[in-house]
Amino acid sequence: MRILFIGDIVAKPGRAAVREVLPDLIKKEKIDLVVANIENLAHGKGVTVKTVEEIKEAGVDIMTSGNHIWAREEFADTLSNDPTILRPANYPADTPGYGFTYANVGKEKVLIINLLGRQWMNEPTDEPYRTVDAILLDQIEKEKPKVIVVDFHAEATSEKAAMGWFLDGRVSAVVGTHTHIPSADTQILPKGTGFVTDVGMTGALHSVLGVEPSIIIKRQKDPYPVKFEWAETGPKVFQSVLVKTKRGGGAASIERVDKTLP
């Protein structure tokens, strides 16, 4: 099976990059399933129904997220009713939405799990290790999925690396998201799990994590608050990883698929 995971899609340039790259990439690489992190989809923060439909039309099947998914309160109803859009599973149980879901690929059921890190994250989340343990114990007994992909949305690289090792041999791939900076450490861990610390960002190239550089410079240099303005012009980047799985569910390969667009 060939699974493409797209790094955090940021604002209008990110959506445009997905529209420009994804349809042809699916055909060229014979991709079976497309997963993307969308917490920054609508003007850099949060998600709207319209922006979700835009990337679905381009070929995205399952959407994961992170702490910014709550930026638009009205989207909570959509989260509660659409299992193709995930919020991290380690939020409290009564939080709107789904923490994991399944995608049907031929006769296979692929389990996708979304988790949020705790280091430098001021969020009311439960501990992610025990959360993912509980999900795997329950779902492997009930549904017996062979292919399992985990999006660990976290700030600290060490936290993401530790989660990869914790899940080695138990899931097909652990991919890190959130920092918007692609890491060069794609690897298959000793027990067969594909891993990358951070997939990166799909959005404006000439930016600071998707934001206009001048805004970030002012924010870091001066004492007064500055409102974010998301970069919306200039070249774009499409950053992703392609995971190929074996018959038993382990990773055969994981490689970066990155493109720069005018």
C-alpha atoms as a PDB file:
ATOM      1  CA  MET A   1       0.000   0.000   0.000  1.00  0.00           C
ATOM      2  CA  ARG A   2       1.167   3.544  -0.758  1.00  0.00           C
ATOM      3  CA  ILE A   3       0.199   6.236   1.739  1.00  0.00           C
ATOM      4  CA  LEU A   4       1.038   9.911   1.248  1.00  0.00           C
ATOM      5  CA  PHE A   5       1.111  12.163   4.306  1.00  0.00           C
ATOM      6  CA  ILE A   6       1.111  15.918   3.603  1.00  0.00           C
ATOM      7  CA  GLY A   7       2.666  18.302   6.137  1.00  0.00           C
ATOM      8  CA  ASP A   8       0.639  21.098   7.765  1.00  0.00           C
ATOM      9  CA  ILE A   9      -1.307  22.843   4.989  1.00  0.00           C
ATOM     10  CA  VAL A  10      -1.057  26.560   5.745  1.00  0.00           C
ATOM     11  CA  ALA A  11      -3.559  29.112   4.442  1.00  0.00           C
ATOM     12  CA  LYS A  12      -4.287  29.963   0.806  1.00  0.00           C
ATOM     13  CA  PRO A  13      -0.802  29.139  -0.584  1.00  0.00           C
ATOM     14  CA  GLY A  14      -0.919  25.704   1.042  1.00  0.00           C
ATOM     15  CA  ARG A  15      -4.310  24.897  -0.421  1.00  0.00           C
ATOM     16  CA  ALA A  16      -3.126  26.105  -3.829  1.00  0.00           C
ATOM     17  CA  ALA A  17      -0.035  23.879  -3.618  1.00  0.00           C
ATOM     18  CA  VAL A  18      -2.226  20.867  -2.844  1.00  0.00           C
ATOM     19  CA  ARG A  19      -4.458  21.608  -5.833  1.00  0.00           C
ATOM     20  CA  GLU A  20      -1.456  22.009  -8.123  1.00  0.00           C
ATOM     21  CA  VAL A  21       0.557  18.975  -7.004  1.00  0.00           C
ATOM     22  CA  LEU A  22      -1.674  16.296  -5.540  1.00  0.00           C
ATOM     23  CA  PRO A  23      -3.869  15.073  -8.443  1.00  0.00           C
ATOM     24  CA  ASP A  24      -0.877  14.334 -10.692  1.00  0.00           C
ATOM     25  CA  LEU A  25       1.172  12.941  -7.796  1.00  0.00           C
ATOM     26  CA  ILE A  26      -1.578  10.442  -6.952  1.00  0.00           C
ATOM     27  CA  LYS A  27      -1.524   9.172 -10.535  1.00  0.00           C
ATOM     28  CA  LYS A  28       2.263   9.152 -10.902  1.00  0.00           C
ATOM     29  CA  GLU A  29       3.007   7.358  -7.620  1.00  0.00           C
ATOM     30  CA  LYS A  30      -0.145   5.184  -7.649  1.00  0.00           C
ATOM     31  CA  ILE A  31      -1.056   6.467  -4.196  1.00  0.00           C
ATOM     32  CA  ASP A  32      -3.784   4.529  -2.379  1.00  0.00           C
ATOM     33  CA  LEU A  33      -4.463   6.897   0.536  1.00  0.00           C
ATOM     34  CA  VAL A  34      -3.777  10.588   1.203  1.00  0.00           C
ATOM     35  CA  VAL A  35      -3.641  11.967   4.746  1.00  0.00           C
ATOM     36  CA  ALA A  36      -2.933  15.628   5.547  1.00  0.00           C
ATOM     37  CA  ASN A  37      -2.635  17.787   8.644  1.00  0.00           C
ATOM     38  CA  ILE A  38      -5.081  20.690   8.283  1.00  0.00           C
ATOM     39  CA  GLU A  39      -5.007  22.657  11.542  1.00  0.00           C
ATOM     40  CA  ASN A  40      -3.759  25.766   9.683  1.00  0.00           C
ATOM     41  CA  LEU A  41      -5.953  25.315   6.622  1.00  0.00           C
ATOM     42  CA  ALA A  42      -8.158  28.433   6.786  1.00  0.00           C
ATOM     43  CA  HIS A  43      -6.107  31.642   6.764  1.00  0.00           C
ATOM     44  CA  GLY A  44      -3.380  29.991   8.805  1.00  0.00           C
ATOM     45  CA  LYS A  45      -5.395  29.048  11.863  1.00  0.00           C
ATOM     46  CA  GLY A  46      -8.298  26.645  12.119  1.00  0.00           C
ATOM     47  CA  VAL A  47     -10.512  25.078   9.492  1.00  0.00           C
ATOM     48  CA  THR A  48     -13.729  25.846   7.605  1.00  0.00           C
ATOM     49  CA  VAL A  49     -16.093  23.563   5.713  1.00  0.00           C
ATOM     50  CA  LYS A  50     -15.241  25.373   2.475  1.00  0.00           C
ATOM     51  CA  THR A  51     -11.477  24.875   2.833  1.00  0.00           C
ATOM     52  CA  VAL A  52     -11.962  21.201   3.709  1.00  0.00           C
ATOM     53  CA  GLU A  53     -14.022  20.666   0.559  1.00  0.00           C
ATOM     54  CA  GLU A  54     -11.312  22.382  -1.484  1.00  0.00           C
ATOM     55  CA  ILE A  55      -8.587  19.915  -0.505  1.00  0.00           C
ATOM     56  CA  LYS A  56     -10.930  16.917  -0.606  1.00  0.00           C
ATOM     57  CA  GLU A  57     -11.627  17.716  -4.251  1.00  0.00           C
ATOM     58  CA  ALA A  58      -7.862  17.689  -4.848  1.00  0.00           C
ATOM     59  CA  GLY A  59      -7.580  14.153  -3.437  1.00  0.00           C
ATOM     60  CA  VAL A  60      -7.102  14.330   0.347  1.00  0.00           C
ATOM     61  CA  ASP A  61      -8.906  11.430   2.045  1.00  0.00           C
ATOM     62  CA  ILE A  62      -8.259  11.787   5.794  1.00  0.00           C
ATOM     63  CA  MET A  63      -7.393  14.950   7.726  1.00  0.00           C
ATOM     64  CA  THR A  64      -5.524  15.208  11.024  1.00  0.00           C
ATOM     65  CA  SER A  65      -4.975  18.298  13.152  1.00  0.00           C
ATOM     66  CA  GLY A  66      -3.569  19.701  16.391  1.00  0.00           C
ATOM     67  CA  ASN A  67      -4.094  22.420  18.962  1.00  0.00           C
ATOM     68  CA  HIS A  68      -5.157  25.052  16.390  1.00  0.00           C
ATOM     69  CA  ILE A  69      -8.175  23.023  15.279  1.00  0.00           C
ATOM     70  CA  TRP A  70     -10.205  24.914  17.922  1.00  0.00           C
ATOM     71  CA  ALA A  71      -9.478  28.370  16.451  1.00  0.00           C
ATOM     72  CA  ARG A  72     -12.935  28.523  14.849  1.00  0.00           C
ATOM     73  CA  GLU A  73     -15.573  27.530  17.367  1.00  0.00           C
ATOM     74  CA  GLU A  74     -18.246  26.945  14.732  1.00  0.00           C
ATOM     75  CA  PHE A  75     -16.212  24.062  13.279  1.00  0.00           C
ATOM     76  CA  ALA A  76     -16.793  21.899  16.383  1.00  0.00           C
ATOM     77  CA  ASP A  77     -20.095  20.630  14.962  1.00  0.00           C
ATOM     78  CA  THR A  78     -18.333  19.449  11.816  1.00  0.00           C
ATOM     79  CA  LEU A  79     -15.714  17.649  13.900  1.00  0.00           C
ATOM     80  CA  SER A  80     -18.464  15.823  15.756  1.00  0.00           C
ATOM     81  CA  ASN A  81     -20.120  14.623  12.551  1.00  0.00           C
ATOM     82  CA  ASP A  82     -17.278  13.925  10.123  1.00  0.00           C
ATOM     83  CA  PRO A  83     -14.956  11.017  11.033  1.00  0.00           C
ATOM     84  CA  THR A  84     -12.608  11.874   8.158  1.00  0.00           C
ATOM     85  CA  ILE A  85     -11.458  14.950  10.128  1.00  0.00           C
ATOM     86  CA  LEU A  86      -9.550  14.158  13.319  1.00  0.00           C
ATOM     87  CA  ARG A  87      -8.629  16.067  16.436  1.00  0.00           C
ATOM     88  CA  PRO A  88      -5.951  14.674  18.782  1.00  0.00           C
ATOM     89  CA  ALA A  89      -7.182  11.582  20.622  1.00  0.00           C
ATOM     90  CA  ASN A  90      -5.672  12.575  23.958  1.00  0.00           C
ATOM     91  CA  TYR A  91      -8.020  15.513  24.508  1.00  0.00           C
ATOM     92  CA  PRO A  92     -10.644  14.686  27.177  1.00  0.00           C
ATOM     93  CA  ALA A  93     -13.213  12.082  26.128  1.00  0.00           C
ATOM     94  CA  ASP A  94     -16.084  14.588  26.004  1.00  0.00           C
ATOM     95  CA  THR A  95     -14.235  16.833  23.513  1.00  0.00           C
ATOM     96  CA  PRO A  96     -16.054  17.140  20.152  1.00  0.00           C
ATOM     97  CA  GLY A  97     -14.732  15.014  17.344  1.00  0.00           C
ATOM     98  CA  TYR A  98     -12.837  11.816  16.630  1.00  0.00           C
ATOM     99  CA  GLY A  99      -9.300  10.956  17.747  1.00  0.00           C
ATOM    100  CA  PHE A 100      -8.904   8.086  15.315  1.00  0.00           C
ATOM    101  CA  THR A 101     -10.647   6.787  12.229  1.00  0.00           C
ATOM    102  CA  TYR A 102     -10.502   4.171   9.495  1.00  0.00           C
ATOM    103  CA  ALA A 103      -9.985   4.501   5.759  1.00  0.00           C
ATOM    104  CA  ASN A 104     -10.992   1.700   3.417  1.00  0.00           C
ATOM    105  CA  VAL A 105      -8.319   0.907   0.836  1.00  0.00           C
ATOM    106  CA  GLY A 106      -9.544  -1.971  -1.283  1.00  0.00           C
ATOM    107  CA  LYS A 107     -10.261  -4.758   1.184  1.00  0.00           C
ATOM    108  CA  GLU A 108      -7.943  -3.258   3.830  1.00  0.00           C
ATOM    109  CA  LYS A 109      -8.997  -1.047   6.732  1.00  0.00           C
ATOM    110  CA  VAL A 110      -6.306   1.501   7.577  1.00  0.00           C
ATOM    111  CA  LEU A 111      -6.319   2.919  11.105  1.00  0.00           C
ATOM    112  CA  ILE A 112      -5.253   6.576  11.422  1.00  0.00           C
ATOM    113  CA  ILE A 113      -4.576   7.957  14.926  1.00  0.00           C
ATOM    114  CA  ASN A 114      -4.006  11.624  15.850  1.00  0.00           C
ATOM    115  CA  LEU A 115      -2.078  12.550  19.036  1.00  0.00           C
ATOM    116  CA  LEU A 116      -0.905  15.822  20.608  1.00  0.00           C
ATOM    117  CA  GLY A 117       2.393  16.263  22.423  1.00  0.00           C
ATOM    118  CA  ARG A 118       2.620  17.843  25.873  1.00  0.00           C
ATOM    119  CA  GLN A 119       6.066  19.470  25.932  1.00  0.00           C
ATOM    120  CA  TRP A 120       5.622  23.264  25.527  1.00  0.00           C
ATOM    121  CA  MET A 121       1.939  22.732  24.696  1.00  0.00           C
ATOM    122  CA  ASN A 122      -0.476  24.473  27.041  1.00  0.00           C
ATOM    123  CA  GLU A 123      -3.388  22.165  26.258  1.00  0.00           C
ATOM    124  CA  PRO A 124      -5.718  20.120  28.528  1.00  0.00           C
ATOM    125  CA  THR A 125      -4.570  16.775  27.144  1.00  0.00           C
ATOM    126  CA  ASP A 126      -4.082  13.356  28.644  1.00  0.00           C
ATOM    127  CA  GLU A 127      -0.737  11.582  28.443  1.00  0.00           C
ATOM    128  CA  PRO A 128      -0.334  10.418  24.799  1.00  0.00           C
ATOM    129  CA  TYR A 129       1.507   7.147  25.458  1.00  0.00           C
ATOM    130  CA  ARG A 130      -1.294   5.626  27.503  1.00  0.00           C
ATOM    131  CA  THR A 131      -3.874   7.086  25.118  1.00  0.00           C
ATOM    132  CA  VAL A 132      -2.379   5.376  22.077  1.00  0.00           C
ATOM    133  CA  ASP A 133      -1.854   2.164  24.059  1.00  0.00           C
ATOM    134  CA  ALA A 134      -5.561   2.060  24.885  1.00  0.00           C
ATOM    135  CA  ILE A 135      -6.608   2.744  21.281  1.00  0.00           C
ATOM    136  CA  LEU A 136      -4.330   0.043  19.880  1.00  0.00           C
ATOM    137  CA  LEU A 137      -5.388  -2.535  22.456  1.00  0.00           C
ATOM    138  CA  ASP A 138      -9.058  -1.882  21.726  1.00  0.00           C
ATOM    139  CA  GLN A 139      -8.938  -1.509  17.945  1.00  0.00           C
ATOM    140  CA  ILE A 140      -6.530  -4.349  17.189  1.00  0.00           C
ATOM    141  CA  GLU A 141      -8.827  -6.695  19.093  1.00  0.00           C
ATOM    142  CA  LYS A 142     -11.981  -5.358  17.410  1.00  0.00           C
ATOM    143  CA  GLU A 143     -10.935  -4.536  13.843  1.00  0.00           C
ATOM    144  CA  LYS A 144      -7.504  -6.175  13.476  1.00  0.00           C
ATOM    145  CA  PRO A 145      -6.016  -3.461  11.225  1.00  0.00           C
ATOM    146  CA  LYS A 146      -2.659  -4.320   9.679  1.00  0.00           C
ATOM    147  CA  VAL A 147      -1.823  -0.807   8.491  1.00  0.00           C
ATOM    148  CA  ILE A 148      -1.752   1.894  11.182  1.00  0.00           C
ATOM    149  CA  VAL A 149      -0.539   5.493  10.770  1.00  0.00           C
ATOM    150  CA  VAL A 150       0.003   7.875  13.691  1.00  0.00           C
ATOM    151  CA  ASP A 151       0.249  11.674  13.366  1.00  0.00           C
ATOM    152  CA  PHE A 152       2.033  12.945  16.482  1.00  0.00           C
ATOM    153  CA  HIS A 153       1.495  16.703  16.519  1.00  0.00           C
ATOM    154  CA  ALA A 154       4.169  17.981  18.886  1.00  0.00           C
ATOM    155  CA  GLU A 155       6.638  20.798  19.470  1.00  0.00           C
ATOM    156  CA  ALA A 156       9.647  18.911  20.851  1.00  0.00           C
ATOM    157  CA  THR A 157      11.689  16.774  18.471  1.00  0.00           C
ATOM    158  CA  SER A 158      12.727  14.507  21.348  1.00  0.00           C
ATOM    159  CA  GLU A 159       9.092  13.857  22.242  1.00  0.00           C
ATOM    160  CA  LYS A 160       8.307  12.863  18.667  1.00  0.00           C
ATOM    161  CA  ALA A 161      11.376  10.630  18.405  1.00  0.00           C
ATOM    162  CA  ALA A 162      10.494   8.912  21.679  1.00  0.00           C
ATOM    163  CA  MET A 163       6.970   8.208  20.434  1.00  0.00           C
ATOM    164  CA  GLY A 164       8.408   6.651  17.290  1.00  0.00           C
ATOM    165  CA  TRP A 165      10.492   4.252  19.347  1.00  0.00           C
ATOM    166  CA  PHE A 166       7.589   3.573  21.712  1.00  0.00           C
ATOM    167  CA  LEU A 167       5.406   2.473  18.789  1.00  0.00           C
ATOM    168  CA  ASP A 168       8.130   0.697  16.794  1.00  0.00           C
ATOM    169  CA  GLY A 169       6.815  -2.634  15.551  1.00  0.00           C
ATOM    170  CA  ARG A 170       3.254  -1.806  16.580  1.00  0.00           C
ATOM    171  CA  VAL A 171       2.234   0.617  13.823  1.00  0.00           C
ATOM    172  CA  SER A 172       3.174   1.142  10.176  1.00  0.00           C
ATOM    173  CA  ALA A 173       4.353   4.743  10.531  1.00  0.00           C
ATOM    174  CA  VAL A 174       4.728   7.565  13.044  1.00  0.00           C
ATOM    175  CA  VAL A 175       4.914  10.989  11.399  1.00  0.00           C
ATOM    176  CA  GLY A 176       5.560  14.189  13.305  1.00  0.00           C
ATOM    177  CA  THR A 177       3.803  17.465  12.534  1.00  0.00           C
ATOM    178  CA  HIS A 178       3.444  20.994  13.983  1.00  0.00           C
ATOM    179  CA  THR A 179       6.803  22.782  13.602  1.00  0.00           C
ATOM    180  CA  HIS A 180       6.380  23.460   9.839  1.00  0.00           C
ATOM    181  CA  ILE A 181      10.072  22.596   9.349  1.00  0.00           C
ATOM    182  CA  PRO A 182      10.775  19.369   7.426  1.00  0.00           C
ATOM    183  CA  SER A 183      13.261  17.006   9.042  1.00  0.00           C
ATOM    184  CA  ALA A 184      15.796  14.926   7.109  1.00  0.00           C
ATOM    185  CA  ASP A 185      15.542  11.792   9.265  1.00  0.00           C
ATOM    186  CA  THR A 186      13.122   9.529   7.386  1.00  0.00           C
ATOM    187  CA  GLN A 187      13.942   5.996   8.517  1.00  0.00           C
ATOM    188  CA  ILE A 188      12.572   2.553   9.238  1.00  0.00           C
ATOM    189  CA  LEU A 189      13.070   1.741  12.907  1.00  0.00           C
ATOM    190  CA  PRO A 190      14.468  -1.690  13.919  1.00  0.00           C
ATOM    191  CA  LYS A 191      11.078  -3.386  14.340  1.00  0.00           C
ATOM    192  CA  GLY A 192       9.650  -2.070  11.075  1.00  0.00           C
ATOM    193  CA  THR A 193       7.919   1.256  11.768  1.00  0.00           C
ATOM    194  CA  GLY A 194       8.484   4.133   9.350  1.00  0.00           C
ATOM    195  CA  PHE A 195       9.363   7.403  11.094  1.00  0.00           C
ATOM    196  CA  VAL A 196      10.008  11.074  10.412  1.00  0.00           C
ATOM    197  CA  THR A 197      10.343  13.748  13.105  1.00  0.00           C
ATOM    198  CA  ASP A 198       8.448  16.368  11.103  1.00  0.00           C
ATOM    199  CA  VAL A 199       6.841  16.213   7.680  1.00  0.00           C
ATOM    200  CA  GLY A 200       7.078  19.992   7.312  1.00  0.00           C
ATOM    201  CA  MET A 201       4.712  22.543   5.817  1.00  0.00           C
ATOM    202  CA  THR A 202       2.742  23.005   2.636  1.00  0.00           C
ATOM    203  CA  GLY A 203       2.420  26.745   2.150  1.00  0.00           C
ATOM    204  CA  ALA A 204       4.328  29.942   1.352  1.00  0.00           C
ATOM    205  CA  LEU A 205       8.071  29.450   0.843  1.00  0.00           C
ATOM    206  CA  HIS A 206       8.995  33.090   1.493  1.00  0.00           C
ATOM    207  CA  SER A 207       7.622  33.160   5.027  1.00  0.00           C
ATOM    208  CA  VAL A 208       8.417  32.313   8.628  1.00  0.00           C
ATOM    209  CA  LEU A 209       6.408  29.129   9.171  1.00  0.00           C
ATOM    210  CA  GLY A 210       3.764  30.546   6.834  1.00  0.00           C
ATOM    211  CA  VAL A 211       3.659  34.039   8.365  1.00  0.00           C
ATOM    212  CA  GLU A 212       4.905  37.253   6.722  1.00  0.00           C
ATOM    213  CA  PRO A 213       8.580  37.567   7.822  1.00  0.00           C
ATOM    214  CA  SER A 214       8.261  41.247   8.795  1.00  0.00           C
ATOM    215  CA  ILE A 215       5.533  40.357  11.298  1.00  0.00           C
ATOM    216  CA  ILE A 216       7.687  37.773  13.061  1.00  0.00           C
ATOM    217  CA  ILE A 217      10.675  40.137  13.097  1.00  0.00           C
ATOM    218  CA  LYS A 218       8.568  42.839  14.781  1.00  0.00           C
ATOM    219  CA  ARG A 219       7.121  40.329  17.223  1.00  0.00           C
ATOM    220  CA  GLN A 220      10.573  39.175  18.306  1.00  0.00           C
ATOM    221  CA  LYS A 221      12.263  42.579  18.222  1.00  0.00           C
ATOM    222  CA  ASP A 222       9.701  44.914  19.777  1.00  0.00           C
ATOM    223  CA  PRO A 223       7.835  44.762  23.112  1.00  0.00           C
ATOM    224  CA  TYR A 224       4.317  45.437  21.805  1.00  0.00           C
ATOM    225  CA  PRO A 225       1.951  42.807  20.369  1.00  0.00           C
ATOM    226  CA  VAL A 226       1.730  42.316  16.615  1.00  0.00           C
ATOM    227  CA  LYS A 227      -1.108  40.587  14.777  1.00  0.00           C
ATOM    228  CA  PHE A 228      -0.142  37.675  12.536  1.00  0.00           C
ATOM    229  CA  GLU A 229      -0.463  38.199   8.785  1.00  0.00           C
ATOM    230  CA  TRP A 230      -0.123  35.058   6.711  1.00  0.00           C
ATOM    231  CA  ALA A 231       2.011  35.176   3.571  1.00  0.00           C
ATOM    232  CA  GLU A 232      -0.236  34.787   0.534  1.00  0.00           C
ATOM    233  CA  THR A 233       1.978  35.493  -2.476  1.00  0.00           C
ATOM    234  CA  GLY A 234       5.201  34.206  -3.988  1.00  0.00           C
ATOM    235  CA  PRO A 235       6.574  30.678  -4.384  1.00  0.00           C
ATOM    236  CA  LYS A 236       5.047  27.748  -2.520  1.00  0.00           C
ATOM    237  CA  VAL A 237       6.309  24.483  -1.043  1.00  0.00           C
ATOM    238  CA  PHE A 238       4.590  21.104  -0.945  1.00  0.00           C
ATOM    239  CA  GLN A 239       6.152  18.894   1.716  1.00  0.00           C
ATOM    240  CA  SER A 240       5.136  15.300   2.342  1.00  0.00           C
ATOM    241  CA  VAL A 241       6.306  11.753   2.962  1.00  0.00           C
ATOM    242  CA  LEU A 242       5.353   8.630   1.030  1.00  0.00           C
ATOM    243  CA  VAL A 243       5.065   5.454   3.095  1.00  0.00           C
ATOM    244  CA  LYS A 244       5.005   2.101   1.329  1.00  0.00           C
ATOM    245  CA  THR A 245       3.831  -0.802   3.474  1.00  0.00           C
ATOM    246  CA  LYS A 246       4.457  -4.543   3.366  1.00  0.00           C
ATOM    247  CA  ARG A 247       1.752  -7.195   3.313  1.00  0.00           C
ATOM    248  CA  GLY A 248       1.908  -7.562   7.113  1.00  0.00           C
ATOM    249  CA  GLY A 249       1.586  -3.813   7.710  1.00  0.00           C
ATOM    250  CA  GLY A 250       5.195  -2.855   8.412  1.00  0.00           C
ATOM    251  CA  ALA A 251       6.911  -0.097   6.447  1.00  0.00           C
ATOM    252  CA  ALA A 252       8.816  -1.159   3.344  1.00  0.00           C
ATOM    253  CA  SER A 253      10.033   2.411   2.817  1.00  0.00           C
ATOM    254  CA  ILE A 254       9.427   6.011   3.844  1.00  0.00           C
ATOM    255  CA  GLU A 255      10.738   8.847   1.708  1.00  0.00           C
ATOM    256  CA  ARG A 256      10.264  12.567   1.384  1.00  0.00           C
ATOM    257  CA  VAL A 257       8.259  13.964  -1.533  1.00  0.00           C
ATOM    258  CA  ASP A 258       8.900  17.712  -1.584  1.00  0.00           C
ATOM    259  CA  LYS A 259       8.201  20.191  -4.359  1.00  0.00           C
ATOM    260  CA  THR A 260       8.732  23.927  -4.821  1.00  0.00           C
ATOM    261  CA  LEU A 261       6.227  25.796  -6.977  1.00  0.00           C
ATOM    262  CA  PRO A 262       6.380  29.296  -8.511  1.00  0.00           C
END
